[in-house]
PDB file of N, CA and C in Angstrom:
ATOM      1  N   UNK A   1      95.756 110.875 125.461  1.00  0.00           N
ATOM      2  CA  UNK A   1      96.889 109.992 125.357  1.00  0.00           C
ATOM      3  C   UNK A   1      98.138 110.750 125.755  1.00  0.00           C
ATOM      4  N   UNK A   2      99.024 110.088 126.462  1.00  0.00           N
ATOM      5  CA  UNK A   2     100.302 110.648 126.864  1.00  0.00           C
ATOM      6  C   UNK A   2     101.391 109.743 126.306  1.00  0.00           C
ATOM      7  N   UNK A   3     102.424 110.322 125.716  1.00  0.00           N
ATOM      8  CA  UNK A   3     103.458 109.499 125.110  1.00  0.00           C
ATOM      9  C   UNK A   3     104.843 109.988 125.489  1.00  0.00           C
ATOM     10  N   UNK A   4     105.753 109.051 125.679  1.00  0.00           N
ATOM     11  CA  UNK A   4     107.148 109.360 125.930  1.00  0.00           C
ATOM     12  C   UNK A   4     107.986 108.754 124.832  1.00  0.00           C
ATOM     13  N   UNK A   5     109.274 108.722 125.009  1.00  0.00           N
ATOM     14  CA  UNK A   5     110.144 108.155 123.994  1.00  0.00           C
ATOM     15  C   UNK A   5     109.943 106.651 123.845  1.00  0.00           C
ATOM     16  N   UNK A   6     109.701 105.955 124.933  1.00  0.00           N
ATOM     17  CA  UNK A   6     109.617 104.500 124.906  1.00  0.00           C
ATOM     18  C   UNK A   6     108.214 103.960 125.151  1.00  0.00           C
ATOM     19  N   UNK A   7     107.375 104.724 125.826  1.00  0.00           N
ATOM     20  CA  UNK A   7     106.085 104.208 126.253  1.00  0.00           C
ATOM     21  C   UNK A   7     104.954 105.156 125.888  1.00  0.00           C
ATOM     22  N   UNK A   8     103.760 104.592 125.827  1.00  0.00           N
ATOM     23  CA  UNK A   8     102.556 105.399 125.656  1.00  0.00           C
ATOM     24  C   UNK A   8     101.544 104.983 126.718  1.00  0.00           C
ATOM     25  N   UNK A   9     100.647 105.884 127.027  1.00  0.00           N
ATOM     26  CA  UNK A   9      99.550 105.580 127.942  1.00  0.00           C
ATOM     27  C   UNK A   9      98.289 106.187 127.357  1.00  0.00           C
ATOM     28  N   UNK A  10      97.247 105.405 127.266  1.00  0.00           N
ATOM     29  CA  UNK A  10      95.964 105.863 126.758  1.00  0.00           C
ATOM     30  C   UNK A  10      94.940 105.706 127.871  1.00  0.00           C
ATOM     31  N   UNK A  11      94.122 106.726 128.086  1.00  0.00           N
ATOM     32  CA  UNK A  11      93.157 106.725 129.180  1.00  0.00           C
ATOM     33  C   UNK A  11      91.740 106.756 128.625  1.00  0.00           C
ATOM     34  N   UNK A  12      90.818 106.100 129.304  1.00  0.00           N
ATOM     35  CA  UNK A  12      89.410 106.103 128.966  1.00  0.00           C
ATOM     36  C   UNK A  12      88.626 106.167 130.263  1.00  0.00           C
ATOM     37  N   UNK A  13      87.636 107.062 130.339  1.00  0.00           N
ATOM     38  CA  UNK A  13      86.739 107.124 131.491  1.00  0.00           C
ATOM     39  C   UNK A  13      85.319 107.075 130.970  1.00  0.00           C
ATOM     40  N   UNK A  14      84.576 106.051 131.362  1.00  0.00           N
ATOM     41  CA  UNK A  14      83.181 105.944 130.943  1.00  0.00           C
ATOM     42  C   UNK A  14      82.297 106.540 132.023  1.00  0.00           C
ATOM     43  N   UNK A  15      81.152 107.033 131.621  1.00  0.00           N
ATOM     44  CA  UNK A  15      80.234 107.633 132.591  1.00  0.00           C
ATOM     45  C   UNK A  15      78.870 106.967 132.611  1.00  0.00           C
ATOM     46  N   UNK A  16      78.575 106.097 131.660  1.00  0.00           N
ATOM     47  CA  UNK A  16      77.248 105.517 131.646  1.00  0.00           C
ATOM     48  C   UNK A  16      77.200 104.087 131.159  1.00  0.00           C
ATOM     49  N   UNK A  17      78.215 103.292 131.446  1.00  0.00           N
ATOM     50  CA  UNK A  17      78.200 101.898 131.012  1.00  0.00           C
ATOM     51  C   UNK A  17      77.771 101.005 132.166  1.00  0.00           C
ATOM     52  N   UNK A  18      77.469  99.766 131.847  1.00  0.00           N
ATOM     53  CA  UNK A  18      77.177  98.815 132.920  1.00  0.00           C
ATOM     54  C   UNK A  18      78.459  98.240 133.522  1.00  0.00           C
ATOM     55  N   UNK A  19      79.428  99.062 133.761  1.00  0.00           N
ATOM     56  CA  UNK A  19      80.684  98.604 134.343  1.00  0.00           C
ATOM     57  C   UNK A  19      81.565  97.913 133.333  1.00  0.00           C
ATOM     58  N   UNK A  20      82.392  96.987 133.818  1.00  0.00           N
ATOM     59  CA  UNK A  20      83.323  96.283 132.939  1.00  0.00           C
ATOM     60  C   UNK A  20      82.616  95.472 131.858  1.00  0.00           C
ATOM     61  N   UNK A  21      81.385  95.056 132.126  1.00  0.00           N
ATOM     62  CA  UNK A  21      80.633  94.305 131.121  1.00  0.00           C
ATOM     63  C   UNK A  21      80.399  95.139 129.865  1.00  0.00           C
ATOM     64  N   UNK A  22      80.399  96.457 129.997  1.00  0.00           N
ATOM     65  CA  UNK A  22      80.173  97.333 128.860  1.00  0.00           C
ATOM     66  C   UNK A  22      81.436  97.758 128.142  1.00  0.00           C
ATOM     67  N   UNK A  23      82.597  97.320 128.633  1.00  0.00           N
ATOM     68  CA  UNK A  23      83.879  97.654 128.007  1.00  0.00           C
ATOM     69  C   UNK A  23      84.499  96.350 127.531  1.00  0.00           C
ATOM     70  N   UNK A  24      84.512  96.121 126.210  1.00  0.00           N
ATOM     71  CA  UNK A  24      85.025  94.841 125.723  1.00  0.00           C
ATOM     72  C   UNK A  24      86.512  94.680 125.997  1.00  0.00           C
ATOM     73  N   UNK A  25      86.945  93.437 126.291  1.00  0.00           N
ATOM     74  CA  UNK A  25      88.368  93.196 126.518  1.00  0.00           C
ATOM     75  C   UNK A  25      89.156  93.300 125.214  1.00  0.00           C
ATOM     76  N   UNK A  26      90.452  93.480 125.340  1.00  0.00           N
ATOM     77  CA  UNK A  26      91.349  93.552 124.197  1.00  0.00           C
ATOM     78  C   UNK A  26      91.433  92.173 123.548  1.00  0.00           C
ATOM     79  N   UNK A  27      91.197  92.109 122.252  1.00  0.00           N
ATOM     80  CA  UNK A  27      91.236  90.838 121.535  1.00  0.00           C
ATOM     81  C   UNK A  27      92.638  90.230 121.603  1.00  0.00           C
ATOM     82  N   UNK A  28      92.708  88.957 121.950  1.00  0.00           N
ATOM     83  CA  UNK A  28      93.970  88.234 121.975  1.00  0.00           C
ATOM     84  C   UNK A  28      94.806  88.417 123.232  1.00  0.00           C
ATOM     85  N   UNK A  29      94.345  89.239 124.161  1.00  0.00           N
ATOM     86  CA  UNK A  29      95.109  89.485 125.391  1.00  0.00           C
ATOM     87  C   UNK A  29      94.791  88.420 126.439  1.00  0.00           C
ATOM     88  N   UNK A  30      95.756  88.169 127.330  1.00  0.00           N
ATOM     89  CA  UNK A  30      95.524  87.294 128.482  1.00  0.00           C
ATOM     90  C   UNK A  30      94.795  88.128 129.533  1.00  0.00           C
ATOM     91  N   UNK A  31      93.586  87.722 129.884  1.00  0.00           N
ATOM     92  CA  UNK A  31      92.735  88.500 130.779  1.00  0.00           C
ATOM     93  C   UNK A  31      92.757  87.912 132.187  1.00  0.00           C
ATOM     94  N   UNK A  32      92.991  88.787 133.176  1.00  0.00           N
ATOM     95  CA  UNK A  32      92.962  88.415 134.584  1.00  0.00           C
ATOM     96  C   UNK A  32      92.061  89.401 135.315  1.00  0.00           C
ATOM     97  N   UNK A  33      91.121  88.896 136.090  1.00  0.00           N
ATOM     98  CA  UNK A  33      90.247  89.757 136.877  1.00  0.00           C
ATOM     99  C   UNK A  33      90.570  89.556 138.354  1.00  0.00           C
ATOM    100  N   UNK A  34      90.703  90.683 139.068  1.00  0.00           N
ATOM    101  CA  UNK A  34      91.017  90.624 140.498  1.00  0.00           C
ATOM    102  C   UNK A  34      90.390  91.828 141.187  1.00  0.00           C
ATOM    103  N   UNK A  35      90.805  92.074 142.413  1.00  0.00           N
ATOM    104  CA  UNK A  35      90.321  93.226 143.177  1.00  0.00           C
ATOM    105  C   UNK A  35      91.422  94.271 143.244  1.00  0.00           C
ATOM    106  N   UNK A  36      91.022  95.517 143.279  1.00  0.00           N
ATOM    107  CA  UNK A  36      91.938  96.636 143.475  1.00  0.00           C
ATOM    108  C   UNK A  36      91.534  97.270 144.789  1.00  0.00           C
ATOM    109  N   UNK A  37      92.353  97.086 145.809  1.00  0.00           N
ATOM    110  CA  UNK A  37      91.926  97.483 147.145  1.00  0.00           C
ATOM    111  C   UNK A  37      90.841  96.534 147.603  1.00  0.00           C
ATOM    112  N   UNK A  38      89.887  97.044 148.349  1.00  0.00           N
ATOM    113  CA  UNK A  38      88.808  96.182 148.835  1.00  0.00           C
ATOM    114  C   UNK A  38      87.492  96.427 148.118  1.00  0.00           C
ATOM    115  N   UNK A  39      87.407  97.502 147.344  1.00  0.00           N
ATOM    116  CA  UNK A  39      86.106  97.895 146.806  1.00  0.00           C
ATOM    117  C   UNK A  39      85.940  97.790 145.297  1.00  0.00           C
ATOM    118  N   UNK A  40      87.027  97.666 144.553  1.00  0.00           N
ATOM    119  CA  UNK A  40      86.925  97.813 143.100  1.00  0.00           C
ATOM    120  C   UNK A  40      87.379  96.563 142.357  1.00  0.00           C
ATOM    121  N   UNK A  41      86.705  96.299 141.234  1.00  0.00           N
ATOM    122  CA  UNK A  41      87.085  95.198 140.364  1.00  0.00           C
ATOM    123  C   UNK A  41      88.102  95.711 139.352  1.00  0.00           C
ATOM    124  N   UNK A  42      89.177  94.950 139.162  1.00  0.00           N
ATOM    125  CA  UNK A  42      90.247  95.316 138.239  1.00  0.00           C
ATOM    126  C   UNK A  42      90.408  94.210 137.213  1.00  0.00           C
ATOM    127  N   UNK A  43      90.420  94.595 135.938  1.00  0.00           N
ATOM    128  CA  UNK A  43      90.667  93.640 134.852  1.00  0.00           C
ATOM    129  C   UNK A  43      91.979  94.031 134.177  1.00  0.00           C
ATOM    130  N   UNK A  44      92.943  93.101 134.155  1.00  0.00           N
ATOM    131  CA  UNK A  44      94.209  93.319 133.473  1.00  0.00           C
ATOM    132  C   UNK A  44      94.219  92.494 132.199  1.00  0.00           C
ATOM    133  N   UNK A  45      94.635  93.117 131.106  1.00  0.00           N
ATOM    134  CA  UNK A  45      94.695  92.445 129.809  1.00  0.00           C
ATOM    135  C   UNK A  45      96.119  92.585 129.279  1.00  0.00           C
ATOM    136  N   UNK A  46      96.889  91.499 129.411  1.00  0.00           N
ATOM    137  CA  UNK A  46      98.307  91.518 129.045  1.00  0.00           C
ATOM    138  C   UNK A  46      98.482  91.078 127.599  1.00  0.00           C
ATOM    139  N   UNK A  47      99.079  91.961 126.817  1.00  0.00           N
ATOM    140  CA  UNK A  47      99.492  91.622 125.461  1.00  0.00           C
ATOM    141  C   UNK A  47     101.005  91.413 125.490  1.00  0.00           C
ATOM    142  N   UNK A  48     101.607  91.182 124.351  1.00  0.00           N
ATOM    143  CA  UNK A  48     103.040  90.936 124.288  1.00  0.00           C
ATOM    144  C   UNK A  48     103.832  92.067 124.937  1.00  0.00           C
ATOM    145  N   UNK A  49     103.503  93.301 124.610  1.00  0.00           N
ATOM    146  CA  UNK A  49     104.293  94.432 125.111  1.00  0.00           C
ATOM    147  C   UNK A  49     103.465  95.461 125.862  1.00  0.00           C
ATOM    148  N   UNK A  50     102.169  95.327 125.855  1.00  0.00           N
ATOM    149  CA  UNK A  50     101.306  96.342 126.462  1.00  0.00           C
ATOM    150  C   UNK A  50     100.375  95.704 127.477  1.00  0.00           C
ATOM    151  N   UNK A  51      99.817  96.549 128.338  1.00  0.00           N
ATOM    152  CA  UNK A  51      98.848  96.087 129.322  1.00  0.00           C
ATOM    153  C   UNK A  51      97.710  97.100 129.395  1.00  0.00           C
ATOM    154  N   UNK A  52      96.495  96.595 129.390  1.00  0.00           N
ATOM    155  CA  UNK A  52      95.322  97.435 129.577  1.00  0.00           C
ATOM    156  C   UNK A  52      94.720  97.075 130.931  1.00  0.00           C
ATOM    157  N   UNK A  53      94.604  98.073 131.788  1.00  0.00           N
ATOM    158  CA  UNK A  53      94.016  97.891 133.113  1.00  0.00           C
ATOM    159  C   UNK A  53      92.695  98.646 133.144  1.00  0.00           C
ATOM    160  N   UNK A  54      91.618  97.952 133.476  1.00  0.00           N
ATOM    161  CA  UNK A  54      90.291  98.556 133.551  1.00  0.00           C
ATOM    162  C   UNK A  54      89.791  98.431 134.981  1.00  0.00           C
ATOM    163  N   UNK A  55      89.494  99.565 135.584  1.00  0.00           N
ATOM    164  CA  UNK A  55      89.070  99.620 136.979  1.00  0.00           C
ATOM    165  C   UNK A  55      87.622 100.080 137.036  1.00  0.00           C
ATOM    166  N   UNK A  56      86.759  99.255 137.639  1.00  0.00           N
ATOM    167  CA  UNK A  56      85.334  99.580 137.744  1.00  0.00           C
ATOM    168  C   UNK A  56      85.051 100.261 139.076  1.00  0.00           C
ATOM    169  N   UNK A  57      84.506 101.482 138.983  1.00  0.00           N
ATOM    170  CA  UNK A  57      84.102 102.239 140.164  1.00  0.00           C
ATOM    171  C   UNK A  57      82.633 101.986 140.453  1.00  0.00           C
ATOM    172  N   UNK A  58      82.141 102.552 141.531  1.00  0.00           N
ATOM    173  CA  UNK A  58      80.717 102.467 141.836  1.00  0.00           C
ATOM    174  C   UNK A  58      79.927 103.182 140.752  1.00  0.00           C
ATOM    175  N   UNK A  59      78.687 102.795 140.581  1.00  0.00           N
ATOM    176  CA  UNK A  59      77.843 103.434 139.582  1.00  0.00           C
ATOM    177  C   UNK A  59      78.140 103.004 138.157  1.00  0.00           C
ATOM    178  N   UNK A  60      78.930 101.955 137.971  1.00  0.00           N
ATOM    179  CA  UNK A  60      79.217 101.448 136.638  1.00  0.00           C
ATOM    180  C   UNK A  60      80.264 102.217 135.866  1.00  0.00           C
ATOM    181  N   UNK A  61      80.941 103.165 136.495  1.00  0.00           N
ATOM    182  CA  UNK A  61      81.987 103.922 135.816  1.00  0.00           C
ATOM    183  C   UNK A  61      83.241 103.073 135.698  1.00  0.00           C
ATOM    184  N   UNK A  62      83.954 103.222 134.596  1.00  0.00           N
ATOM    185  CA  UNK A  62      85.178 102.474 134.361  1.00  0.00           C
ATOM    186  C   UNK A  62      86.286 103.435 133.960  1.00  0.00           C
ATOM    187  N   UNK A  63      87.433 103.301 134.618  1.00  0.00           N
ATOM    188  CA  UNK A  63      88.637 104.026 134.216  1.00  0.00           C
ATOM    189  C   UNK A  63      89.557 102.994 133.600  1.00  0.00           C
ATOM    190  N   UNK A  64      89.983 103.240 132.364  1.00  0.00           N
ATOM    191  CA  UNK A  64      90.833 102.290 131.660  1.00  0.00           C
ATOM    192  C   UNK A  64      92.141 102.952 131.279  1.00  0.00           C
ATOM    193  N   UNK A  65      93.231 102.226 131.468  1.00  0.00           N
ATOM    194  CA  UNK A  65      94.567 102.715 131.163  1.00  0.00           C
ATOM    195  C   UNK A  65      95.300 101.648 130.373  1.00  0.00           C
ATOM    196  N   UNK A  66      95.848 102.039 129.219  1.00  0.00           N
ATOM    197  CA  UNK A  66      96.684 101.144 128.433  1.00  0.00           C
ATOM    198  C   UNK A  66      98.081 101.719 128.426  1.00  0.00           C
ATOM    199  N   UNK A  67      99.052 100.899 128.765  1.00  0.00           N
ATOM    200  CA  UNK A  67     100.425 101.378 128.836  1.00  0.00           C
ATOM    201  C   UNK A  67     101.388 100.334 128.292  1.00  0.00           C
ATOM    202  N   UNK A  68     102.528 100.792 127.849  1.00  0.00           N
ATOM    203  CA  UNK A  68     103.562  99.897 127.339  1.00  0.00           C
ATOM    204  C   UNK A  68     104.341 100.570 126.237  1.00  0.00           C
ATOM    205  N   UNK A  69     105.371  99.903 125.755  1.00  0.00           N
ATOM    206  CA  UNK A  69     106.202 100.494 124.711  1.00  0.00           C
ATOM    207  C   UNK A  69     105.474 100.573 123.372  1.00  0.00           C
ATOM    208  N   UNK A  70     105.889 101.542 122.572  1.00  0.00           N
ATOM    209  CA  UNK A  70     105.314 101.697 121.241  1.00  0.00           C
ATOM    210  C   UNK A  70     105.637 100.502 120.351  1.00  0.00           C
ATOM    211  N   UNK A  71     106.823  99.998 120.492  1.00  0.00           N
ATOM    212  CA  UNK A  71     107.244  98.886 119.648  1.00  0.00           C
ATOM    213  C   UNK A  71     106.691  97.578 120.213  1.00  0.00           C
ATOM    214  N   UNK A  72     106.636  96.573 119.414  1.00  0.00           N
ATOM    215  CA  UNK A  72     106.052  95.294 119.822  1.00  0.00           C
ATOM    216  C   UNK A  72     107.115  94.383 120.433  1.00  0.00           C
ATOM    217  N   UNK A  73     107.744  94.845 121.493  1.00  0.00           N
ATOM    218  CA  UNK A  73     108.788  94.095 122.195  1.00  0.00           C
ATOM    219  C   UNK A  73     108.218  93.634 123.540  1.00  0.00           C
ATOM    220  N   UNK A  74     108.454  92.378 123.914  1.00  0.00           N
ATOM    221  CA  UNK A  74     107.924  91.910 125.199  1.00  0.00           C
ATOM    222  C   UNK A  74     108.340  92.818 126.351  1.00  0.00           C
ATOM    223  N   UNK A  75     107.373  93.118 127.216  1.00  0.00           N
ATOM    224  CA  UNK A  75     107.639  93.985 128.358  1.00  0.00           C
ATOM    225  C   UNK A  75     106.803  93.499 129.534  1.00  0.00           C
ATOM    226  N   UNK A  76     107.422  92.800 130.456  1.00  0.00           N
ATOM    227  CA  UNK A  76     106.709  92.251 131.600  1.00  0.00           C
ATOM    228  C   UNK A  76     106.330  93.296 132.631  1.00  0.00           C
ATOM    229  N   UNK A  77     106.830  94.522 132.511  1.00  0.00           N
ATOM    230  CA  UNK A  77     106.543  95.549 133.511  1.00  0.00           C
ATOM    231  C   UNK A  77     105.326  96.402 133.166  1.00  0.00           C
ATOM    232  N   UNK A  78     104.710  96.201 132.004  1.00  0.00           N
ATOM    233  CA  UNK A  78     103.598  97.054 131.574  1.00  0.00           C
ATOM    234  C   UNK A  78     102.420  96.999 132.547  1.00  0.00           C
ATOM    235  N   UNK A  79     102.046  95.817 133.031  1.00  0.00           N
ATOM    236  CA  UNK A  79     100.908  95.717 133.956  1.00  0.00           C
ATOM    237  C   UNK A  79     101.253  96.304 135.322  1.00  0.00           C
ATOM    238  N   UNK A  80     102.492  96.146 135.763  1.00  0.00           N
ATOM    239  CA  UNK A  80     102.889  96.758 137.030  1.00  0.00           C
ATOM    240  C   UNK A  80     102.835  98.277 136.919  1.00  0.00           C
ATOM    241  N   UNK A  81     103.297  98.812 135.800  1.00  0.00           N
ATOM    242  CA  UNK A  81     103.238 100.258 135.592  1.00  0.00           C
ATOM    243  C   UNK A  81     101.790 100.739 135.582  1.00  0.00           C
ATOM    244  N   UNK A  82     100.895  99.963 134.981  1.00  0.00           N
ATOM    245  CA  UNK A  82      99.479 100.327 134.954  1.00  0.00           C
ATOM    246  C   UNK A  82      98.889 100.330 136.360  1.00  0.00           C
ATOM    247  N   UNK A  83      99.249  99.351 137.184  1.00  0.00           N
ATOM    248  CA  UNK A  83      98.761  99.306 138.573  1.00  0.00           C
ATOM    249  C   UNK A  83      99.232 100.521 139.373  1.00  0.00           C
ATOM    250  N   UNK A  84     100.490 100.910 139.189  1.00  0.00           N
ATOM    251  CA  UNK A  84     101.025 102.074 139.901  1.00  0.00           C
ATOM    252  C   UNK A  84     100.285 103.335 139.467  1.00  0.00           C
ATOM    253  N   UNK A  85     100.065 103.483 138.172  1.00  0.00           N
ATOM    254  CA  UNK A  85      99.343 104.655 137.675  1.00  0.00           C
ATOM    255  C   UNK A  85      97.916 104.685 138.189  1.00  0.00           C
ATOM    256  N   UNK A  86      97.248 103.526 138.230  1.00  0.00           N
ATOM    257  CA  UNK A  86      95.885 103.463 138.759  1.00  0.00           C
ATOM    258  C   UNK A  86      95.852 103.832 140.235  1.00  0.00           C
ATOM    259  N   UNK A  87      96.832 103.370 140.987  1.00  0.00           N
ATOM    260  CA  UNK A  87      96.885 103.714 142.413  1.00  0.00           C
ATOM    261  C   UNK A  87      96.984 105.222 142.591  1.00  0.00           C
ATOM    262  N   UNK A  88      97.768 105.872 141.756  1.00  0.00           N
ATOM    263  CA  UNK A  88      97.901 107.327 141.823  1.00  0.00           C
ATOM    264  C   UNK A  88      96.568 108.004 141.492  1.00  0.00           C
ATOM    265  N   UNK A  89      95.899 107.540 140.449  1.00  0.00           N
ATOM    266  CA  UNK A  89      94.615 108.127 140.044  1.00  0.00           C
ATOM    267  C   UNK A  89      93.581 107.970 141.152  1.00  0.00           C
ATOM    268  N   UNK A  90      93.488 106.765 141.729  1.00  0.00           N
ATOM    269  CA  UNK A  90      92.511 106.532 142.795  1.00  0.00           C
ATOM    270  C   UNK A  90      92.827 107.409 144.005  1.00  0.00           C
ATOM    271  N   UNK A  91      94.089 107.528 144.363  1.00  0.00           N
ATOM    272  CA  UNK A  91      94.478 108.392 145.479  1.00  0.00           C
ATOM    273  C   UNK A  91      94.044 109.832 145.228  1.00  0.00           C
ATOM    274  N   UNK A  92      94.291 110.322 144.025  1.00  0.00           N
ATOM    275  CA  UNK A  92      93.900 111.689 143.689  1.00  0.00           C
ATOM    276  C   UNK A  92      92.380 111.856 143.749  1.00  0.00           C
ATOM    277  N   UNK A  93      91.660 110.842 143.271  1.00  0.00           N
ATOM    278  CA  UNK A  93      90.203 110.910 143.284  1.00  0.00           C
ATOM    279  C   UNK A  93      89.656 110.881 144.700  1.00  0.00           C
ATOM    280  N   UNK A  94      90.291 110.124 145.587  1.00  0.00           N
ATOM    281  CA  UNK A  94      89.841 110.080 146.981  1.00  0.00           C
ATOM    282  C   UNK A  94      90.004 111.438 147.665  1.00  0.00           C
ATOM    283  N   UNK A  95      90.957 112.223 147.198  1.00  0.00           N
ATOM    284  CA  UNK A  95      91.156 113.564 147.743  1.00  0.00           C
ATOM    285  C   UNK A  95      90.135 114.566 147.182  1.00  0.00           C
ATOM    286  N   UNK A  96      89.471 114.173 146.103  1.00  0.00           N
ATOM    287  CA  UNK A  96      88.503 115.025 145.433  1.00  0.00           C
ATOM    288  C   UNK A  96      87.097 114.702 145.972  1.00  0.00           C
ATOM    289  N   UNK A  97      86.351 115.693 146.342  1.00  0.00           N
ATOM    290  CA  UNK A  97      85.025 115.465 146.931  1.00  0.00           C
ATOM    291  C   UNK A  97      84.015 114.918 145.928  1.00  0.00           C
ATOM    292  N   UNK A  98      84.328 114.918 144.629  1.00  0.00           N
ATOM    293  CA  UNK A  98      83.383 114.419 143.624  1.00  0.00           C
ATOM    294  C   UNK A  98      83.651 112.978 143.248  1.00  0.00           C
ATOM    295  N   UNK A  99      84.467 112.273 144.038  1.00  0.00           N
ATOM    296  CA  UNK A  99      84.792 110.884 143.749  1.00  0.00           C
ATOM    297  C   UNK A  99      83.507 110.056 143.686  1.00  0.00           C
ATOM    298  N   UNK A 100      83.423 109.134 142.691  1.00  0.00           N
ATOM    299  CA  UNK A 100      82.182 108.354 142.528  1.00  0.00           C
ATOM    300  C   UNK A 100      81.858 107.466 143.715  1.00  0.00           C
TER     301      UNK A 100
END
């Protein structure tokens, strides 16, 4: 987990699940499923102030990022921040020869 004065980010990387089906969605969140790039399934779960983004890689691996303010104040930018962070992670992984 990484935390700042206003926001926190929690990361999860699974290595042996059946993809997003093996990672339960956040209870009470508005769930949207879409594509991330051309190859990956992305699930966004918007809560009042936080957003959980779950990205399914090949082989059933899932990288999950939860971001948003610590306090329970509405924040419409949480999912956008999660998408930007995921883009950075995927870019870094593409540069790594062990990318799934």
